[in-house]
């Protein structure tokens, strides 16, 4: 959406938080947690596999989760992890060009996509139950053979796509600039979360083909990934298919985890983000520990009102 110049050019943002203490978050009682049966095991190359049967619908979901996101980006490369997400749909050795989407569409797949967050990037599809092998083959081929086909033409194309995505969802959307401003306000420079998922135009355009290849070799390896299969499938058959398609892939180097300890902020911080919007909005974010290991994220309360 393009914003008209007659809009009020002020967006007020209040960033307010207190100190976050690692390990002190309240844990829900066991009785409050839903019972989701699953089995977890690890292949010899380090790939974590999670299986969860549910035969209520003749569908199966395949989700590959790589433990790499903006928190793992090299300096001066904001938006790189998200750019790489796009590169994963540009074809691999045995699935050239846009064959990935065409094969899944022909098989009746839905929710075919990928997402990037601070600590991870995932790729998923939901398929008819009898098409599980197709989903596993496609995911294994780009995990093992993406670099066989990736080239500068594909990179340049996706740089343009990602920059247009930034314009659409951040720069030309009301309040779209807030998330980046809040992250930089809550997390100090040098912290892995003091970054942008989408990245700046300059950093996106500065990405080189050598950077893409190095990122793949370091992070997109079986030992830095989790494969989840959920839905209508036979566990023994699924395990055999996982071993067939993912078992031969070679293990990569161990991936060091960035330190993401929550920052301790003991005083109120305020910032004003100018934008062309109709209603100014007040944001009140704070840092919260959301799981074991002191991973931090920010939550907000916001209100819009006429001035």
C-alpha atoms as a PDB file:
ATOM      1  CA  UNK A   1       0.000   0.000   0.000  1.00  0.00           C
ATOM      2  CA  UNK A   2       1.382   3.417  -0.917  1.00  0.00           C
ATOM      3  CA  UNK A   3       0.940   6.084   1.749  1.00  0.00           C
ATOM      4  CA  UNK A   4      -0.364   9.511   0.763  1.00  0.00           C
ATOM      5  CA  UNK A   5       1.478  12.703   1.679  1.00  0.00           C
ATOM      6  CA  UNK A   6      -1.614  14.061   3.448  1.00  0.00           C
ATOM      7  CA  UNK A   7      -1.113  11.528   6.240  1.00  0.00           C
ATOM      8  CA  UNK A   8       0.226  12.701   9.590  1.00  0.00           C
ATOM      9  CA  UNK A   9       4.020  12.231   9.388  1.00  0.00           C
ATOM     10  CA  UNK A  10       4.528  11.183  13.006  1.00  0.00           C
ATOM     11  CA  UNK A  11       4.698   7.718  14.478  1.00  0.00           C
ATOM     12  CA  UNK A  12       5.317   7.655  18.208  1.00  0.00           C
ATOM     13  CA  UNK A  13       6.950   4.586  19.696  1.00  0.00           C
ATOM     14  CA  UNK A  14       7.573   3.939  23.374  1.00  0.00           C
ATOM     15  CA  UNK A  15      10.049   1.181  24.206  1.00  0.00           C
ATOM     16  CA  UNK A  16       9.690   0.181  27.840  1.00  0.00           C
ATOM     17  CA  UNK A  17      11.129  -2.879  29.492  1.00  0.00           C
ATOM     18  CA  UNK A  18      12.654  -4.104  32.687  1.00  0.00           C
ATOM     19  CA  UNK A  19      15.543  -6.479  33.380  1.00  0.00           C
ATOM     20  CA  UNK A  20      15.068 -10.013  32.108  1.00  0.00           C
ATOM     21  CA  UNK A  21      16.437 -12.835  34.215  1.00  0.00           C
ATOM     22  CA  UNK A  22      17.555 -16.024  32.506  1.00  0.00           C
ATOM     23  CA  UNK A  23      15.864 -19.165  33.752  1.00  0.00           C
ATOM     24  CA  UNK A  24      13.210 -17.463  35.890  1.00  0.00           C
ATOM     25  CA  UNK A  25      10.295 -17.739  33.469  1.00  0.00           C
ATOM     26  CA  UNK A  26       7.251 -19.520  34.840  1.00  0.00           C
ATOM     27  CA  UNK A  27       6.762 -23.048  33.521  1.00  0.00           C
ATOM     28  CA  UNK A  28       3.232 -24.281  32.703  1.00  0.00           C
ATOM     29  CA  UNK A  29       1.910 -27.241  34.639  1.00  0.00           C
ATOM     30  CA  UNK A  30       2.162 -30.554  32.789  1.00  0.00           C
ATOM     31  CA  UNK A  31      -1.627 -30.922  32.867  1.00  0.00           C
ATOM     32  CA  UNK A  32      -1.985 -27.669  30.896  1.00  0.00           C
ATOM     33  CA  UNK A  33       0.093 -28.894  27.955  1.00  0.00           C
ATOM     34  CA  UNK A  34      -1.600 -30.604  24.992  1.00  0.00           C
ATOM     35  CA  UNK A  35      -0.605 -34.224  24.438  1.00  0.00           C
ATOM     36  CA  UNK A  36       1.033 -34.474  21.017  1.00  0.00           C
ATOM     37  CA  UNK A  37       2.602 -37.913  20.504  1.00  0.00           C
ATOM     38  CA  UNK A  38       5.884 -37.845  18.612  1.00  0.00           C
ATOM     39  CA  UNK A  39       9.098 -39.776  18.103  1.00  0.00           C
ATOM     40  CA  UNK A  40      12.496 -38.151  17.776  1.00  0.00           C
ATOM     41  CA  UNK A  41      15.742 -39.711  16.565  1.00  0.00           C
ATOM     42  CA  UNK A  42      18.957 -38.653  14.813  1.00  0.00           C
ATOM     43  CA  UNK A  43      20.572 -39.950  11.627  1.00  0.00           C
ATOM     44  CA  UNK A  44      24.265 -40.803  11.578  1.00  0.00           C
ATOM     45  CA  UNK A  45      24.993 -37.519   9.728  1.00  0.00           C
ATOM     46  CA  UNK A  46      23.412 -35.497  12.530  1.00  0.00           C
ATOM     47  CA  UNK A  47      19.987 -34.753  11.019  1.00  0.00           C
ATOM     48  CA  UNK A  48      17.332 -34.598  13.747  1.00  0.00           C
ATOM     49  CA  UNK A  49      14.080 -36.309  12.712  1.00  0.00           C
ATOM     50  CA  UNK A  50      10.724 -35.760  14.418  1.00  0.00           C
ATOM     51  CA  UNK A  51       7.709 -37.932  13.544  1.00  0.00           C
ATOM     52  CA  UNK A  52       4.158 -37.246  14.692  1.00  0.00           C
ATOM     53  CA  UNK A  53       1.305 -39.478  13.449  1.00  0.00           C
ATOM     54  CA  UNK A  54      -2.197 -38.111  12.988  1.00  0.00           C
ATOM     55  CA  UNK A  55      -4.545 -40.108  10.764  1.00  0.00           C
ATOM     56  CA  UNK A  56      -7.607 -37.866  10.962  1.00  0.00           C
ATOM     57  CA  UNK A  57      -6.962 -36.452   7.468  1.00  0.00           C
ATOM     58  CA  UNK A  58      -5.213 -38.045   4.467  1.00  0.00           C
ATOM     59  CA  UNK A  59      -2.504 -35.354   4.542  1.00  0.00           C
ATOM     60  CA  UNK A  60       1.125 -35.198   5.609  1.00  0.00           C
ATOM     61  CA  UNK A  61       3.260 -32.144   6.320  1.00  0.00           C
ATOM     62  CA  UNK A  62       7.020 -31.993   5.744  1.00  0.00           C
ATOM     63  CA  UNK A  63       9.011 -29.214   7.416  1.00  0.00           C
ATOM     64  CA  UNK A  64      12.794 -28.794   7.299  1.00  0.00           C
ATOM     65  CA  UNK A  65      14.118 -26.379   9.912  1.00  0.00           C
ATOM     66  CA  UNK A  66      17.672 -25.055   9.522  1.00  0.00           C
ATOM     67  CA  UNK A  67      19.129 -23.588  12.702  1.00  0.00           C
ATOM     68  CA  UNK A  68      20.416 -20.453  10.998  1.00  0.00           C
ATOM     69  CA  UNK A  69      18.861 -17.026  10.714  1.00  0.00           C
ATOM     70  CA  UNK A  70      19.745 -13.342  10.955  1.00  0.00           C
ATOM     71  CA  UNK A  71      21.500 -14.001  14.280  1.00  0.00           C
ATOM     72  CA  UNK A  72      24.091 -15.983  12.278  1.00  0.00           C
ATOM     73  CA  UNK A  73      24.660 -13.385   9.566  1.00  0.00           C
ATOM     74  CA  UNK A  74      28.172 -12.070   8.939  1.00  0.00           C
ATOM     75  CA  UNK A  75      28.755  -8.362   9.743  1.00  0.00           C
ATOM     76  CA  UNK A  76      27.524  -6.004   7.058  1.00  0.00           C
ATOM     77  CA  UNK A  77      25.148  -8.568   5.617  1.00  0.00           C
ATOM     78  CA  UNK A  78      21.742  -7.725   7.082  1.00  0.00           C
ATOM     79  CA  UNK A  79      18.974  -9.613   5.323  1.00  0.00           C
ATOM     80  CA  UNK A  80      21.337 -12.316   4.110  1.00  0.00           C
ATOM     81  CA  UNK A  81      19.582 -15.253   5.804  1.00  0.00           C
ATOM     82  CA  UNK A  82      16.260 -14.157   4.305  1.00  0.00           C
ATOM     83  CA  UNK A  83      17.841 -13.690   0.880  1.00  0.00           C
ATOM     84  CA  UNK A  84      19.193 -17.227   1.151  1.00  0.00           C
ATOM     85  CA  UNK A  85      15.686 -18.506   1.906  1.00  0.00           C
ATOM     86  CA  UNK A  86      14.697 -17.221  -1.528  1.00  0.00           C
ATOM     87  CA  UNK A  87      17.719 -18.867  -3.143  1.00  0.00           C
ATOM     88  CA  UNK A  88      16.528 -22.271  -1.917  1.00  0.00           C
ATOM     89  CA  UNK A  89      13.608 -22.064  -4.354  1.00  0.00           C
ATOM     90  CA  UNK A  90      15.820 -21.431  -7.403  1.00  0.00           C
ATOM     91  CA  UNK A  91      16.404 -25.074  -8.276  1.00  0.00           C
ATOM     92  CA  UNK A  92      18.884 -27.799  -7.349  1.00  0.00           C
ATOM     93  CA  UNK A  93      20.810 -30.461  -9.241  1.00  0.00           C
ATOM     94  CA  UNK A  94      17.912 -32.816  -9.956  1.00  0.00           C
ATOM     95  CA  UNK A  95      15.108 -30.233  -9.643  1.00  0.00           C
ATOM     96  CA  UNK A  96      16.053 -27.399 -12.029  1.00  0.00           C
ATOM     97  CA  UNK A  97      14.456 -23.959 -12.244  1.00  0.00           C
ATOM     98  CA  UNK A  98      10.917 -23.712 -10.913  1.00  0.00           C
ATOM     99  CA  UNK A  99      10.375 -27.493 -10.991  1.00  0.00           C
ATOM    100  CA  UNK A 100      10.063 -27.530  -7.179  1.00  0.00           C
ATOM    101  CA  UNK A 101       6.790 -25.592  -7.274  1.00  0.00           C
ATOM    102  CA  UNK A 102       5.476 -27.292 -10.424  1.00  0.00           C
ATOM    103  CA  UNK A 103       5.995 -30.787  -9.029  1.00  0.00           C
ATOM    104  CA  UNK A 104       4.326 -29.918  -5.739  1.00  0.00           C
ATOM    105  CA  UNK A 105       1.403 -28.177  -7.453  1.00  0.00           C
ATOM    106  CA  UNK A 106       0.864 -31.204  -9.692  1.00  0.00           C
ATOM    107  CA  UNK A 107       0.832 -33.458  -6.623  1.00  0.00           C
ATOM    108  CA  UNK A 108      -1.858 -31.383  -4.891  1.00  0.00           C
ATOM    109  CA  UNK A 109       0.429 -29.785  -2.287  1.00  0.00           C
ATOM    110  CA  UNK A 110      -0.644 -26.746  -0.259  1.00  0.00           C
ATOM    111  CA  UNK A 111       1.083 -24.221   2.024  1.00  0.00           C
ATOM    112  CA  UNK A 112       4.343 -24.487   0.087  1.00  0.00           C
ATOM    113  CA  UNK A 113       6.639 -21.797   1.455  1.00  0.00           C
ATOM    114  CA  UNK A 114       9.587 -20.831   3.632  1.00  0.00           C
ATOM    115  CA  UNK A 115      10.020 -18.397   6.511  1.00  0.00           C
ATOM    116  CA  UNK A 116      12.958 -16.730   8.232  1.00  0.00           C
ATOM    117  CA  UNK A 117      13.163 -15.687  11.871  1.00  0.00           C
ATOM    118  CA  UNK A 118      16.054 -14.555  14.049  1.00  0.00           C
ATOM    119  CA  UNK A 119      17.311 -18.065  14.907  1.00  0.00           C
ATOM    120  CA  UNK A 120      16.077 -20.276  12.086  1.00  0.00           C
ATOM    121  CA  UNK A 121      14.866 -20.666   8.510  1.00  0.00           C
ATOM    122  CA  UNK A 122      12.294 -23.320   7.625  1.00  0.00           C
ATOM    123  CA  UNK A 123      10.787 -24.799   4.453  1.00  0.00           C
ATOM    124  CA  UNK A 124       7.490 -26.649   4.418  1.00  0.00           C
ATOM    125  CA  UNK A 125       4.703 -28.191   2.375  1.00  0.00           C
ATOM    126  CA  UNK A 126       1.520 -30.122   3.065  1.00  0.00           C
ATOM    127  CA  UNK A 127       0.891 -33.053   0.724  1.00  0.00           C
ATOM    128  CA  UNK A 128      -1.615 -35.837   0.128  1.00  0.00           C
ATOM    129  CA  UNK A 129      -0.452 -38.804   2.178  1.00  0.00           C
ATOM    130  CA  UNK A 130       0.674 -40.806  -0.842  1.00  0.00           C
ATOM    131  CA  UNK A 131       3.040 -37.986  -1.893  1.00  0.00           C
ATOM    132  CA  UNK A 132       5.292 -38.053   1.185  1.00  0.00           C
ATOM    133  CA  UNK A 133       8.197 -39.445  -0.831  1.00  0.00           C
ATOM    134  CA  UNK A 134       8.006 -36.514  -3.257  1.00  0.00           C
ATOM    135  CA  UNK A 135       8.284 -33.983  -0.429  1.00  0.00           C
ATOM    136  CA  UNK A 136      11.254 -35.758   1.131  1.00  0.00           C
ATOM    137  CA  UNK A 137      13.063 -36.105  -2.200  1.00  0.00           C
ATOM    138  CA  UNK A 138      12.625 -32.406  -3.010  1.00  0.00           C
ATOM    139  CA  UNK A 139      13.869 -31.264   0.398  1.00  0.00           C
ATOM    140  CA  UNK A 140      16.827 -33.644   0.352  1.00  0.00           C
ATOM    141  CA  UNK A 141      17.871 -32.545  -3.127  1.00  0.00           C
ATOM    142  CA  UNK A 142      18.220 -28.896  -2.198  1.00  0.00           C
ATOM    143  CA  UNK A 143      19.869 -29.789   1.108  1.00  0.00           C
ATOM    144  CA  UNK A 144      22.477 -31.850  -0.701  1.00  0.00           C
ATOM    145  CA  UNK A 145      22.740 -30.410  -4.188  1.00  0.00           C
ATOM    146  CA  UNK A 146      21.757 -26.724  -4.234  1.00  0.00           C
ATOM    147  CA  UNK A 147      25.235 -25.507  -5.141  1.00  0.00           C
ATOM    148  CA  UNK A 148      25.301 -27.619  -8.311  1.00  0.00           C
ATOM    149  CA  UNK A 149      23.000 -25.146 -10.072  1.00  0.00           C
ATOM    150  CA  UNK A 150      23.122 -21.829  -8.219  1.00  0.00           C
ATOM    151  CA  UNK A 151      24.582 -18.971 -10.280  1.00  0.00           C
ATOM    152  CA  UNK A 152      24.865 -15.193 -10.428  1.00  0.00           C
ATOM    153  CA  UNK A 153      21.762 -14.841 -12.586  1.00  0.00           C
ATOM    154  CA  UNK A 154      19.599 -16.511  -9.931  1.00  0.00           C
ATOM    155  CA  UNK A 155      21.178 -14.398  -7.183  1.00  0.00           C
ATOM    156  CA  UNK A 156      20.633 -11.135  -9.039  1.00  0.00           C
ATOM    157  CA  UNK A 157      17.023 -12.070  -9.710  1.00  0.00           C
ATOM    158  CA  UNK A 158      16.313 -12.785  -6.046  1.00  0.00           C
ATOM    159  CA  UNK A 159      18.102  -9.645  -4.882  1.00  0.00           C
ATOM    160  CA  UNK A 160      15.545  -7.677  -6.889  1.00  0.00           C
ATOM    161  CA  UNK A 161      12.697  -9.796  -5.521  1.00  0.00           C
ATOM    162  CA  UNK A 162      13.768  -9.333  -1.887  1.00  0.00           C
ATOM    163  CA  UNK A 163      14.263  -5.595  -2.296  1.00  0.00           C
ATOM    164  CA  UNK A 164      10.759  -5.303  -3.729  1.00  0.00           C
ATOM    165  CA  UNK A 165       9.476  -7.375  -0.805  1.00  0.00           C
ATOM    166  CA  UNK A 166      11.104  -4.912   1.573  1.00  0.00           C
ATOM    167  CA  UNK A 167       9.354  -2.022  -0.155  1.00  0.00           C
ATOM    168  CA  UNK A 168       6.019  -3.827   0.003  1.00  0.00           C
ATOM    169  CA  UNK A 169       5.979  -5.138   3.588  1.00  0.00           C
ATOM    170  CA  UNK A 170       8.135  -2.555   5.385  1.00  0.00           C
ATOM    171  CA  UNK A 171       8.605   0.743   3.586  1.00  0.00           C
ATOM    172  CA  UNK A 172       5.148   1.083   1.997  1.00  0.00           C
ATOM    173  CA  UNK A 173       3.096  -0.434   4.819  1.00  0.00           C
ATOM    174  CA  UNK A 174       1.724   1.608   7.729  1.00  0.00           C
ATOM    175  CA  UNK A 175       3.907   1.064  10.816  1.00  0.00           C
ATOM    176  CA  UNK A 176       6.154  -1.196   8.756  1.00  0.00           C
ATOM    177  CA  UNK A 177       9.331   0.459  10.021  1.00  0.00           C
ATOM    178  CA  UNK A 178       8.623  -0.275  13.679  1.00  0.00           C
ATOM    179  CA  UNK A 179       9.984  -3.822  14.016  1.00  0.00           C
ATOM    180  CA  UNK A 180      13.471  -2.874  12.876  1.00  0.00           C
ATOM    181  CA  UNK A 181      13.498   0.198  15.111  1.00  0.00           C
ATOM    182  CA  UNK A 182      12.404  -1.796  18.164  1.00  0.00           C
ATOM    183  CA  UNK A 183      15.038  -4.496  17.633  1.00  0.00           C
ATOM    184  CA  UNK A 184      17.794  -1.918  17.486  1.00  0.00           C
ATOM    185  CA  UNK A 185      16.405  -0.135  20.536  1.00  0.00           C
ATOM    186  CA  UNK A 186      16.123  -3.211  22.751  1.00  0.00           C
ATOM    187  CA  UNK A 187      19.259  -5.063  21.685  1.00  0.00           C
ATOM    188  CA  UNK A 188      22.611  -3.225  21.780  1.00  0.00           C
ATOM    189  CA  UNK A 189      24.985  -3.103  18.861  1.00  0.00           C
ATOM    190  CA  UNK A 190      26.962  -6.336  18.738  1.00  0.00           C
ATOM    191  CA  UNK A 191      24.052  -8.449  20.010  1.00  0.00           C
ATOM    192  CA  UNK A 192      22.908 -11.042  17.413  1.00  0.00           C
ATOM    193  CA  UNK A 193      19.361  -9.644  17.545  1.00  0.00           C
ATOM    194  CA  UNK A 194      20.472  -6.079  16.811  1.00  0.00           C
ATOM    195  CA  UNK A 195      19.681  -6.741  13.176  1.00  0.00           C
ATOM    196  CA  UNK A 196      16.970  -6.830  10.544  1.00  0.00           C
ATOM    197  CA  UNK A 197      15.366  -9.957   9.106  1.00  0.00           C
ATOM    198  CA  UNK A 198      14.636  -8.237   5.806  1.00  0.00           C
ATOM    199  CA  UNK A 199      17.892  -6.269   5.665  1.00  0.00           C
ATOM    200  CA  UNK A 200      18.821  -2.980   4.063  1.00  0.00           C
ATOM    201  CA  UNK A 201      18.815  -2.368   0.325  1.00  0.00           C
ATOM    202  CA  UNK A 202      22.568  -1.762   0.380  1.00  0.00           C
ATOM    203  CA  UNK A 203      23.364  -5.011   2.211  1.00  0.00           C
ATOM    204  CA  UNK A 204      20.999  -7.090   0.059  1.00  0.00           C
ATOM    205  CA  UNK A 205      22.557  -5.721  -3.112  1.00  0.00           C
ATOM    206  CA  UNK A 206      26.084  -6.231  -1.759  1.00  0.00           C
ATOM    207  CA  UNK A 207      25.635 -10.002  -1.324  1.00  0.00           C
ATOM    208  CA  UNK A 208      28.004 -11.985  -3.535  1.00  0.00           C
ATOM    209  CA  UNK A 209      27.678 -15.453  -4.984  1.00  0.00           C
ATOM    210  CA  UNK A 210      30.685 -16.520  -2.885  1.00  0.00           C
ATOM    211  CA  UNK A 211      28.802 -15.382   0.247  1.00  0.00           C
ATOM    212  CA  UNK A 212      25.793 -17.501  -0.702  1.00  0.00           C
ATOM    213  CA  UNK A 213      27.912 -20.600  -1.252  1.00  0.00           C
ATOM    214  CA  UNK A 214      29.812 -20.129   2.006  1.00  0.00           C
ATOM    215  CA  UNK A 215      26.557 -19.665   3.975  1.00  0.00           C
ATOM    216  CA  UNK A 216      25.149 -22.867   2.494  1.00  0.00           C
ATOM    217  CA  UNK A 217      28.269 -24.890   3.249  1.00  0.00           C
ATOM    218  CA  UNK A 218      28.380 -23.709   6.854  1.00  0.00           C
ATOM    219  CA  UNK A 219      24.726 -23.809   7.899  1.00  0.00           C
ATOM    220  CA  UNK A 220      22.679 -25.897   5.452  1.00  0.00           C
ATOM    221  CA  UNK A 221      24.012 -29.266   6.503  1.00  0.00           C
ATOM    222  CA  UNK A 222      22.178 -32.260   8.011  1.00  0.00           C
ATOM    223  CA  UNK A 223      23.770 -31.764  11.433  1.00  0.00           C
ATOM    224  CA  UNK A 224      22.360 -28.207  11.595  1.00  0.00           C
ATOM    225  CA  UNK A 225      18.818 -29.135  10.578  1.00  0.00           C
ATOM    226  CA  UNK A 226      15.651 -30.745  11.900  1.00  0.00           C
ATOM    227  CA  UNK A 227      13.160 -32.628   9.725  1.00  0.00           C
ATOM    228  CA  UNK A 228       9.576 -32.882  10.979  1.00  0.00           C
ATOM    229  CA  UNK A 229       6.934 -35.125   9.423  1.00  0.00           C
ATOM    230  CA  UNK A 230       3.404 -34.832  10.781  1.00  0.00           C
ATOM    231  CA  UNK A 231       0.116 -36.332   9.673  1.00  0.00           C
ATOM    232  CA  UNK A 232      -1.106 -39.471   7.963  1.00  0.00           C
ATOM    233  CA  UNK A 233       1.907 -41.741   7.415  1.00  0.00           C
ATOM    234  CA  UNK A 234       3.321 -45.113   8.413  1.00  0.00           C
ATOM    235  CA  UNK A 235       6.331 -44.606  10.741  1.00  0.00           C
ATOM    236  CA  UNK A 236       8.341 -47.546   9.411  1.00  0.00           C
ATOM    237  CA  UNK A 237       7.832 -46.463   5.801  1.00  0.00           C
ATOM    238  CA  UNK A 238       8.642 -42.834   6.661  1.00  0.00           C
ATOM    239  CA  UNK A 239      11.866 -43.831   8.407  1.00  0.00           C
ATOM    240  CA  UNK A 240      12.942 -45.836   5.395  1.00  0.00           C
ATOM    241  CA  UNK A 241      12.307 -42.872   3.087  1.00  0.00           C
ATOM    242  CA  UNK A 242      14.162 -40.473   5.386  1.00  0.00           C
ATOM    243  CA  UNK A 243      17.171 -42.779   5.425  1.00  0.00           C
ATOM    244  CA  UNK A 244      16.993 -43.231   1.647  1.00  0.00           C
ATOM    245  CA  UNK A 245      16.999 -39.534   0.792  1.00  0.00           C
ATOM    246  CA  UNK A 246      18.785 -37.857   3.709  1.00  0.00           C
ATOM    247  CA  UNK A 247      21.062 -40.605   5.016  1.00  0.00           C
ATOM    248  CA  UNK A 248      23.673 -40.311   2.193  1.00  0.00           C
ATOM    249  CA  UNK A 249      24.116 -36.543   2.684  1.00  0.00           C
ATOM    250  CA  UNK A 250      27.425 -35.651   4.308  1.00  0.00           C
ATOM    251  CA  UNK A 251      27.720 -34.032   7.697  1.00  0.00           C
ATOM    252  CA  UNK A 252      29.041 -30.466   7.802  1.00  0.00           C
ATOM    253  CA  UNK A 253      31.241 -28.639  10.308  1.00  0.00           C
ATOM    254  CA  UNK A 254      29.885 -28.075  13.802  1.00  0.00           C
ATOM    255  CA  UNK A 255      27.986 -24.782  13.947  1.00  0.00           C
ATOM    256  CA  UNK A 256      28.751 -22.523  16.915  1.00  0.00           C
ATOM    257  CA  UNK A 257      25.670 -21.008  18.514  1.00  0.00           C
ATOM    258  CA  UNK A 258      25.644 -17.223  18.933  1.00  0.00           C
ATOM    259  CA  UNK A 259      25.251 -15.860  22.426  1.00  0.00           C
ATOM    260  CA  UNK A 260      21.730 -14.444  22.677  1.00  0.00           C
ATOM    261  CA  UNK A 261      21.511 -13.601  26.368  1.00  0.00           C
ATOM    262  CA  UNK A 262      18.781 -11.030  27.036  1.00  0.00           C
ATOM    263  CA  UNK A 263      20.163  -7.529  27.556  1.00  0.00           C
ATOM    264  CA  UNK A 264      19.604  -6.017  30.986  1.00  0.00           C
ATOM    265  CA  UNK A 265      17.891  -2.668  30.544  1.00  0.00           C
ATOM    266  CA  UNK A 266      16.927  -0.988  33.788  1.00  0.00           C
ATOM    267  CA  UNK A 267      15.640   2.355  32.519  1.00  0.00           C
ATOM    268  CA  UNK A 268      12.957   3.427  30.087  1.00  0.00           C
ATOM    269  CA  UNK A 269      13.987   4.042  26.491  1.00  0.00           C
ATOM    270  CA  UNK A 270      12.010   6.168  24.049  1.00  0.00           C
ATOM    271  CA  UNK A 271      12.251   6.761  20.332  1.00  0.00           C
ATOM    272  CA  UNK A 272      10.125   8.440  17.670  1.00  0.00           C
ATOM    273  CA  UNK A 273       9.965   6.837  14.236  1.00  0.00           C
ATOM    274  CA  UNK A 274       8.763   9.265  11.542  1.00  0.00           C
ATOM    275  CA  UNK A 275       6.484   7.785   8.904  1.00  0.00           C
ATOM    276  CA  UNK A 276       3.590   8.722   6.637  1.00  0.00           C
ATOM    277  CA  UNK A 277       0.675   7.266   8.570  1.00  0.00           C
ATOM    278  CA  UNK A 278      -2.885   8.312   9.360  1.00  0.00           C
ATOM    279  CA  UNK A 279      -2.914   7.470  13.064  1.00  0.00           C
ATOM    280  CA  UNK A 280       0.106   7.795  15.363  1.00  0.00           C
ATOM    281  CA  UNK A 281       0.690   4.644  17.372  1.00  0.00           C
ATOM    282  CA  UNK A 282       2.365   4.008  20.725  1.00  0.00           C
ATOM    283  CA  UNK A 283       4.335   0.768  21.183  1.00  0.00           C
ATOM    284  CA  UNK A 284       5.412  -0.585  24.572  1.00  0.00           C
ATOM    285  CA  UNK A 285       7.856  -3.474  23.984  1.00  0.00           C
ATOM    286  CA  UNK A 286       9.841  -5.511  26.467  1.00  0.00           C
ATOM    287  CA  UNK A 287      12.290  -8.413  26.337  1.00  0.00           C
ATOM    288  CA  UNK A 288      11.092 -11.795  27.582  1.00  0.00           C
ATOM    289  CA  UNK A 289      12.758 -15.181  27.937  1.00  0.00           C
ATOM    290  CA  UNK A 290      10.612 -17.551  25.887  1.00  0.00           C
ATOM    291  CA  UNK A 291      12.403 -20.878  26.260  1.00  0.00           C
ATOM    292  CA  UNK A 292      15.279 -22.571  28.041  1.00  0.00           C
ATOM    293  CA  UNK A 293      18.694 -21.364  27.042  1.00  0.00           C
ATOM    294  CA  UNK A 294      17.940 -17.675  27.495  1.00  0.00           C
ATOM    295  CA  UNK A 295      16.694 -17.045  23.979  1.00  0.00           C
ATOM    296  CA  UNK A 296      15.096 -13.632  24.000  1.00  0.00           C
ATOM    297  CA  UNK A 297      12.385 -12.031  21.935  1.00  0.00           C
ATOM    298  CA  UNK A 298      10.420  -8.840  22.236  1.00  0.00           C
ATOM    299  CA  UNK A 299       6.712  -8.474  22.788  1.00  0.00           C
ATOM    300  CA  UNK A 300       4.619  -5.345  22.341  1.00  0.00           C
ATOM    301  CA  UNK A 301       1.445  -3.662  23.368  1.00  0.00           C
ATOM    302  CA  UNK A 302       0.303  -0.959  20.972  1.00  0.00           C
ATOM    303  CA  UNK A 303      -2.497   1.532  20.583  1.00  0.00           C
ATOM    304  CA  UNK A 304      -3.439   3.794  17.677  1.00  0.00           C
ATOM    305  CA  UNK A 305      -5.319   7.034  18.190  1.00  0.00           C
ATOM    306  CA  UNK A 306      -6.083  10.245  16.358  1.00  0.00           C
ATOM    307  CA  UNK A 307      -4.064  13.276  17.363  1.00  0.00           C
END
